[in-house]
PDB file of N, CA and C in Angstrom:
ATOM      1  N   MET A   1       6.483 -54.197-111.998  1.00  0.00           N
ATOM      2  CA  MET A   1       6.788 -53.539-113.389  1.00  0.00           C
ATOM      3  C   MET A   1       6.032 -52.470-113.505  1.00  0.00           C
ATOM      4  N   GLU A   2       4.838 -52.337-113.052  1.00  0.00           N
ATOM      5  CA  GLU A   2       4.024 -51.096-113.495  1.00  0.00           C
ATOM      6  C   GLU A   2       4.672 -49.782-112.792  1.00  0.00           C
ATOM      7  N   SER A   3       5.277 -50.101-111.529  1.00  0.00           N
ATOM      8  CA  SER A   3       5.879 -48.871-110.407  1.00  0.00           C
ATOM      9  C   SER A   3       7.111 -48.252-111.442  1.00  0.00           C
ATOM     10  N   ILE A   4       7.801 -49.268-112.070  1.00  0.00           N
ATOM     11  CA  ILE A   4       8.906 -48.863-112.603  1.00  0.00           C
ATOM     12  C   ILE A   4       8.410 -48.118-114.049  1.00  0.00           C
ATOM     13  N   LEU A   5       7.490 -48.690-114.879  1.00  0.00           N
ATOM     14  CA  LEU A   5       7.194 -47.819-116.039  1.00  0.00           C
ATOM     15  C   LEU A   5       6.504 -46.447-115.565  1.00  0.00           C
ATOM     16  N   ASP A   6       5.877 -46.381-114.566  1.00  0.00           N
ATOM     17  CA  ASP A   6       5.164 -45.213-114.276  1.00  0.00           C
ATOM     18  C   ASP A   6       6.098 -44.308-113.509  1.00  0.00           C
ATOM     19  N   GLU A   7       7.355 -44.611-113.357  1.00  0.00           N
ATOM     20  CA  GLU A   7       8.358 -44.106-112.489  1.00  0.00           C
ATOM     21  C   GLU A   7       7.838 -43.696-111.112  1.00  0.00           C
ATOM     22  N   THR A   8       7.088 -44.756-110.548  1.00  0.00           N
ATOM     23  CA  THR A   8       6.794 -44.386-109.140  1.00  0.00           C
ATOM     24  C   THR A   8       7.479 -45.472-108.166  1.00  0.00           C
ATOM     25  N   TRP A   9       8.569 -46.408-108.842  1.00  0.00           N
ATOM     26  CA  TRP A   9       9.335 -47.304-108.234  1.00  0.00           C
ATOM     27  C   TRP A   9      10.055 -46.574-106.852  1.00  0.00           C
ATOM     28  N   GLY A  10      10.009 -46.845-105.660  1.00  0.00           N
ATOM     29  CA  GLY A  10      10.613 -46.243-104.714  1.00  0.00           C
ATOM     30  C   GLY A  10      11.576 -47.097-103.775  1.00  0.00           C
ATOM     31  N   SER A  11      12.010 -48.183-104.175  1.00  0.00           N
ATOM     32  CA  SER A  11      12.552 -49.423-103.495  1.00  0.00           C
ATOM     33  C   SER A  11      14.076 -49.450-103.824  1.00  0.00           C
ATOM     34  N   GLY A  12      14.522 -48.449-104.366  1.00  0.00           N
ATOM     35  CA  GLY A  12      15.968 -48.475-104.750  1.00  0.00           C
ATOM     36  C   GLY A  12      16.330 -48.664-106.252  1.00  0.00           C
ATOM     37  N   ALA A  13      17.194 -49.146-106.526  1.00  0.00           N
ATOM     38  CA  ALA A  13      17.670 -49.778-108.013  1.00  0.00           C
ATOM     39  C   ALA A  13      16.503 -50.492-108.362  1.00  0.00           C
ATOM     40  N   ALA A  14      15.968 -50.924-109.573  1.00  0.00           N
ATOM     41  CA  ALA A  14      14.882 -51.853-110.219  1.00  0.00           C
ATOM     42  C   ALA A  14      15.666 -53.155-110.087  1.00  0.00           C
ATOM     43  N   PRO A  15      14.778 -54.066-109.748  1.00  0.00           N
ATOM     44  CA  PRO A  15      15.385 -55.576-109.705  1.00  0.00           C
ATOM     45  C   PRO A  15      16.392 -55.991-110.804  1.00  0.00           C
ATOM     46  N   ALA A  16      17.291 -56.616-110.743  1.00  0.00           N
ATOM     47  CA  ALA A  16      18.251 -57.179-111.587  1.00  0.00           C
ATOM     48  C   ALA A  16      17.605 -57.852-112.807  1.00  0.00           C
ATOM     49  N   GLU A  17      16.335 -58.630-112.855  1.00  0.00           N
ATOM     50  CA  GLU A  17      15.448 -59.106-113.674  1.00  0.00           C
ATOM     51  C   GLU A  17      14.981 -58.192-114.648  1.00  0.00           C
ATOM     52  N   TRP A  18      14.668 -57.010-114.395  1.00  0.00           N
ATOM     53  CA  TRP A  18      14.373 -55.907-115.202  1.00  0.00           C
ATOM     54  C   TRP A  18      15.318 -55.644-116.060  1.00  0.00           C
ATOM     55  N   ALA A  19      16.692 -55.442-115.687  1.00  0.00           N
ATOM     56  CA  ALA A  19      17.707 -55.067-116.533  1.00  0.00           C
ATOM     57  C   ALA A  19      17.900 -56.409-117.500  1.00  0.00           C
ATOM     58  N   ASP A  20      17.705 -57.548-117.124  1.00  0.00           N
ATOM     59  CA  ASP A  20      17.988 -58.665-117.983  1.00  0.00           C
ATOM     60  C   ASP A  20      16.873 -58.545-118.900  1.00  0.00           C
ATOM     61  N   PHE A  21      15.662 -58.142-118.684  1.00  0.00           N
ATOM     62  CA  PHE A  21      14.532 -58.204-119.652  1.00  0.00           C
ATOM     63  C   PHE A  21      14.894 -57.178-120.565  1.00  0.00           C
ATOM     64  N   LEU A  22      15.331 -55.919-120.132  1.00  0.00           N
ATOM     65  CA  LEU A  22      15.571 -55.076-121.156  1.00  0.00           C
ATOM     66  C   LEU A  22      16.861 -55.363-121.960  1.00  0.00           C
ATOM     67  N   LEU A  23      17.745 -55.715-121.658  1.00  0.00           N
ATOM     68  CA  LEU A  23      18.911 -56.242-122.432  1.00  0.00           C
ATOM     69  C   LEU A  23      18.602 -57.325-123.665  1.00  0.00           C
ATOM     70  N   MET A  24      17.547 -58.344-123.082  1.00  0.00           N
ATOM     71  CA  MET A  24      17.363 -59.095-123.975  1.00  0.00           C
ATOM     72  C   MET A  24      16.091 -58.625-125.125  1.00  0.00           C
ATOM     73  N   ARG A  25      15.398 -57.726-124.623  1.00  0.00           N
ATOM     74  CA  ARG A  25      14.449 -57.497-125.458  1.00  0.00           C
ATOM     75  C   ARG A  25      14.942 -56.319-126.530  1.00  0.00           C
ATOM     76  N   ARG A  26      15.863 -55.438-125.951  1.00  0.00           N
ATOM     77  CA  ARG A  26      16.277 -54.274-127.149  1.00  0.00           C
ATOM     78  C   ARG A  26      17.790 -55.076-127.906  1.00  0.00           C
ATOM     79  N   MET A  27      18.454 -55.853-127.205  1.00  0.00           N
ATOM     80  CA  MET A  27      19.412 -56.366-127.944  1.00  0.00           C
ATOM     81  C   MET A  27      19.084 -57.795-128.643  1.00  0.00           C
ATOM     82  N   HIS A  28      17.933 -58.103-128.799  1.00  0.00           N
ATOM     83  CA  HIS A  28      17.215 -59.170-129.275  1.00  0.00           C
ATOM     84  C   HIS A  28      17.939 -60.781-128.887  1.00  0.00           C
ATOM     85  N   TRP A  29      18.289 -60.515-127.692  1.00  0.00           N
ATOM     86  CA  TRP A  29      19.056 -61.751-126.930  1.00  0.00           C
ATOM     87  C   TRP A  29      18.142 -62.891-126.647  1.00  0.00           C
ATOM     88  N   SER A  30      18.504 -64.180-126.654  1.00  0.00           N
ATOM     89  CA  SER A  30      17.805 -65.236-125.908  1.00  0.00           C
ATOM     90  C   SER A  30      18.187 -65.395-124.512  1.00  0.00           C
ATOM     91  N   TRP A  31      17.653 -66.008-123.782  1.00  0.00           N
ATOM     92  CA  TRP A  31      18.229 -66.226-122.273  1.00  0.00           C
ATOM     93  C   TRP A  31      19.735 -66.842-122.278  1.00  0.00           C
ATOM     94  N   ASP A  32      19.737 -67.823-123.201  1.00  0.00           N
ATOM     95  CA  ASP A  32      21.230 -68.412-123.346  1.00  0.00           C
ATOM     96  C   ASP A  32      22.353 -67.320-123.903  1.00  0.00           C
ATOM     97  N   ASP A  33      21.873 -66.293-124.736  1.00  0.00           N
ATOM     98  CA  ASP A  33      22.819 -65.315-125.089  1.00  0.00           C
ATOM     99  C   ASP A  33      22.818 -64.486-124.089  1.00  0.00           C
ATOM    100  N   LEU A  34      22.089 -64.093-123.044  1.00  0.00           N
ATOM    101  CA  LEU A  34      22.241 -63.296-122.042  1.00  0.00           C
ATOM    102  C   LEU A  34      23.183 -64.071-121.093  1.00  0.00           C
ATOM    103  N   GLN A  35      22.791 -65.296-120.892  1.00  0.00           N
ATOM    104  CA  GLN A  35      23.792 -65.812-119.903  1.00  0.00           C
ATOM    105  C   GLN A  35      25.203 -66.160-120.508  1.00  0.00           C
ATOM    106  N   ALA A  36      25.478 -66.173-121.803  1.00  0.00           N
ATOM    107  CA  ALA A  36      26.732 -66.351-122.384  1.00  0.00           C
ATOM    108  C   ALA A  36      27.616 -65.070-122.311  1.00  0.00           C
ATOM    109  N   THR A  37      27.075 -63.812-122.037  1.00  0.00           N
ATOM    110  CA  THR A  37      27.676 -62.714-122.077  1.00  0.00           C
ATOM    111  C   THR A  37      27.958 -62.141-120.683  1.00  0.00           C
ATOM    112  N   PRO A  38      29.453 -61.828-120.917  1.00  0.00           N
ATOM    113  CA  PRO A  38      30.092 -61.461-119.567  1.00  0.00           C
ATOM    114  C   PRO A  38      29.411 -60.349-118.904  1.00  0.00           C
ATOM    115  N   THR A  39      29.509 -60.262-117.624  1.00  0.00           N
ATOM    116  CA  THR A  39      28.653 -59.218-116.839  1.00  0.00           C
ATOM    117  C   THR A  39      29.129 -57.969-117.478  1.00  0.00           C
ATOM    118  N   TYR A  40      30.615 -57.672-117.438  1.00  0.00           N
ATOM    119  CA  TYR A  40      30.867 -56.412-117.804  1.00  0.00           C
ATOM    120  C   TYR A  40      30.228 -55.763-119.244  1.00  0.00           C
ATOM    121  N   VAL A  41      30.111 -56.771-120.315  1.00  0.00           N
ATOM    122  CA  VAL A  41      29.637 -56.527-121.554  1.00  0.00           C
ATOM    123  C   VAL A  41      27.937 -56.030-121.227  1.00  0.00           C
ATOM    124  N   ARG A  42      27.361 -56.655-120.356  1.00  0.00           N
ATOM    125  CA  ARG A  42      25.928 -56.722-119.977  1.00  0.00           C
ATOM    126  C   ARG A  42      25.977 -55.018-119.585  1.00  0.00           C
ATOM    127  N   ARG A  43      26.735 -54.953-118.460  1.00  0.00           N
ATOM    128  CA  ARG A  43      26.649 -53.366-118.118  1.00  0.00           C
ATOM    129  C   ARG A  43      26.885 -52.235-119.217  1.00  0.00           C
ATOM    130  N   TYR A  44      27.794 -52.612-119.824  1.00  0.00           N
ATOM    131  CA  TYR A  44      28.188 -51.526-121.127  1.00  0.00           C
ATOM    132  C   TYR A  44      27.181 -51.517-121.801  1.00  0.00           C
ATOM    133  N   CYS A  45      26.310 -52.568-122.415  1.00  0.00           N
ATOM    134  CA  CYS A  45      25.245 -52.563-123.234  1.00  0.00           C
ATOM    135  C   CYS A  45      24.380 -51.726-122.715  1.00  0.00           C
ATOM    136  N   ALA A  46      23.820 -52.079-121.394  1.00  0.00           N
ATOM    137  CA  ALA A  46      22.956 -51.200-120.775  1.00  0.00           C
ATOM    138  C   ALA A  46      23.177 -49.760-120.565  1.00  0.00           C
ATOM    139  N   ASP A  47      24.482 -49.416-120.168  1.00  0.00           N
ATOM    140  CA  ASP A  47      24.713 -48.211-120.351  1.00  0.00           C
ATOM    141  C   ASP A  47      24.716 -47.544-121.642  1.00  0.00           C
ATOM    142  N   PHE A  48      25.009 -48.213-122.553  1.00  0.00           N
ATOM    143  CA  PHE A  48      24.866 -47.428-124.051  1.00  0.00           C
ATOM    144  C   PHE A  48      23.313 -47.545-124.300  1.00  0.00           C
ATOM    145  N   LEU A  49      22.731 -48.295-124.230  1.00  0.00           N
ATOM    146  CA  LEU A  49      21.127 -48.241-124.406  1.00  0.00           C
ATOM    147  C   LEU A  49      20.532 -47.081-123.744  1.00  0.00           C
ATOM    148  N   GLY A  50      20.868 -46.942-122.425  1.00  0.00           N
ATOM    149  CA  GLY A  50      20.198 -45.732-121.757  1.00  0.00           C
ATOM    150  C   GLY A  50      20.649 -44.679-122.461  1.00  0.00           C
ATOM    151  N   LEU A  51      21.869 -44.280-122.694  1.00  0.00           N
ATOM    152  CA  LEU A  51      22.444 -43.105-123.292  1.00  0.00           C
ATOM    153  C   LEU A  51      21.751 -42.779-124.696  1.00  0.00           C
ATOM    154  N   ILE A  52      21.396 -43.872-125.264  1.00  0.00           N
ATOM    155  CA  ILE A  52      20.807 -43.646-126.744  1.00  0.00           C
ATOM    156  C   ILE A  52      19.092 -43.259-126.239  1.00  0.00           C
ATOM    157  N   ALA A  53      18.683 -43.875-125.169  1.00  0.00           N
ATOM    158  CA  ALA A  53      17.288 -43.645-124.889  1.00  0.00           C
ATOM    159  C   ALA A  53      17.522 -42.190-124.530  1.00  0.00           C
ATOM    160  N   ASP A  54      18.142 -41.673-123.729  1.00  0.00           N
ATOM    161  CA  ASP A  54      18.128 -40.145-123.186  1.00  0.00           C
ATOM    162  C   ASP A  54      18.424 -39.368-124.228  1.00  0.00           C
ATOM    163  N   GLN A  55      19.027 -39.823-125.436  1.00  0.00           N
ATOM    164  CA  GLN A  55      19.389 -38.749-126.656  1.00  0.00           C
ATOM    165  C   GLN A  55      18.212 -38.658-127.365  1.00  0.00           C
ATOM    166  N   GLU A  56      17.428 -39.989-127.412  1.00  0.00           N
ATOM    167  CA  GLU A  56      16.337 -40.066-128.234  1.00  0.00           C
ATOM    168  C   GLU A  56      15.286 -38.945-127.662  1.00  0.00           C
ATOM    169  N   ARG A  57      15.031 -39.397-126.379  1.00  0.00           N
ATOM    170  CA  ARG A  57      14.155 -38.205-125.398  1.00  0.00           C
ATOM    171  C   ARG A  57      14.539 -37.071-125.588  1.00  0.00           C
ATOM    172  N   ALA A  58      15.593 -36.546-125.681  1.00  0.00           N
ATOM    173  CA  ALA A  58      16.001 -35.174-125.854  1.00  0.00           C
ATOM    174  C   ALA A  58      15.667 -34.759-127.069  1.00  0.00           C
ATOM    175  N   ASN A  59      16.011 -35.653-128.074  1.00  0.00           N
ATOM    176  CA  ASN A  59      15.533 -35.243-129.921  1.00  0.00           C
ATOM    177  C   ASN A  59      14.366 -35.089-129.580  1.00  0.00           C
ATOM    178  N   GLN A  60      13.377 -35.702-128.987  1.00  0.00           N
ATOM    179  CA  GLN A  60      12.027 -35.615-129.191  1.00  0.00           C
ATOM    180  C   GLN A  60      11.370 -34.707-128.550  1.00  0.00           C
ATOM    181  N   GLU A  61      11.978 -34.111-127.264  1.00  0.00           N
ATOM    182  CA  GLU A  61      11.497 -32.990-126.559  1.00  0.00           C
ATOM    183  C   GLU A  61      11.892 -31.562-127.306  1.00  0.00           C
ATOM    184  N   ARG A  62      13.047 -31.437-128.127  1.00  0.00           N
ATOM    185  CA  ARG A  62      13.616 -30.451-128.715  1.00  0.00           C
ATOM    186  C   ARG A  62      12.501 -30.538-130.212  1.00  0.00           C
ATOM    187  N   SER A  63      12.221 -31.405-130.805  1.00  0.00           N
ATOM    188  CA  SER A  63      11.355 -31.517-132.073  1.00  0.00           C
ATOM    189  C   SER A  63       9.701 -31.080-131.375  1.00  0.00           C
ATOM    190  N   GLN A  64       9.419 -31.522-130.417  1.00  0.00           N
ATOM    191  CA  GLN A  64       7.898 -31.066-129.930  1.00  0.00           C
ATOM    192  C   GLN A  64       8.017 -29.274-129.585  1.00  0.00           C
ATOM    193  N   ALA A  65       9.123 -29.148-128.883  1.00  0.00           N
ATOM    194  CA  ALA A  65       9.391 -27.660-128.408  1.00  0.00           C
ATOM    195  C   ALA A  65       9.341 -26.765-130.010  1.00  0.00           C
ATOM    196  N   ALA A  66       9.977 -27.400-130.880  1.00  0.00           N
ATOM    197  CA  ALA A  66      10.190 -26.482-132.357  1.00  0.00           C
ATOM    198  C   ALA A  66       8.588 -26.551-132.674  1.00  0.00           C
ATOM    199  N   GLN A  67       7.600 -27.594-132.921  1.00  0.00           N
ATOM    200  CA  GLN A  67       6.457 -27.596-133.399  1.00  0.00           C
ATOM    201  C   GLN A  67       5.662 -26.471-132.642  1.00  0.00           C
ATOM    202  N   ARG A  68       5.816 -26.630-131.156  1.00  0.00           N
ATOM    203  CA  ARG A  68       4.692 -25.616-130.368  1.00  0.00           C
ATOM    204  C   ARG A  68       5.307 -24.233-131.020  1.00  0.00           C
ATOM    205  N   ARG A  69       6.484 -23.776-131.185  1.00  0.00           N
ATOM    206  CA  ARG A  69       6.910 -22.709-131.557  1.00  0.00           C
ATOM    207  C   ARG A  69       6.524 -22.355-132.825  1.00  0.00           C
ATOM    208  N   GLN A  70       6.379 -23.127-133.753  1.00  0.00           N
ATOM    209  CA  GLN A  70       5.935 -22.782-135.333  1.00  0.00           C
ATOM    210  C   GLN A  70       4.297 -22.589-135.159  1.00  0.00           C
ATOM    211  N   MET A  71       3.728 -23.377-134.402  1.00  0.00           N
ATOM    212  CA  MET A  71       2.318 -23.247-134.167  1.00  0.00           C
ATOM    213  C   MET A  71       1.754 -21.917-133.195  1.00  0.00           C
ATOM    214  N   GLY A  72       2.946 -21.353-132.650  1.00  0.00           N
ATOM    215  CA  GLY A  72       2.681 -20.081-132.090  1.00  0.00           C
ATOM    216  C   GLY A  72       2.297 -20.297-130.422  1.00  0.00           C
ATOM    217  N   GLY A  73       2.719 -21.318-130.049  1.00  0.00           N
ATOM    218  CA  GLY A  73       2.230 -21.753-128.675  1.00  0.00           C
ATOM    219  C   GLY A  73       3.279 -21.790-127.825  1.00  0.00           C
TER     220      GLY A  73
END
């Protein structure tokens, strides 16, 4: 898990358990909820959550850049 979080994972795609964990955590799903969700819906949810995270990261970077410009740096 540490290598995934610090982006040093070098063994291809993260294990399926990682995707399951993220979906359960972010969607507030139980294990039973996850198992009852069709695979294609899981993929869509994971993709959408990834897009949201990318947008939030881009917004944060723009905000930080604007703050640095205001501070003259």
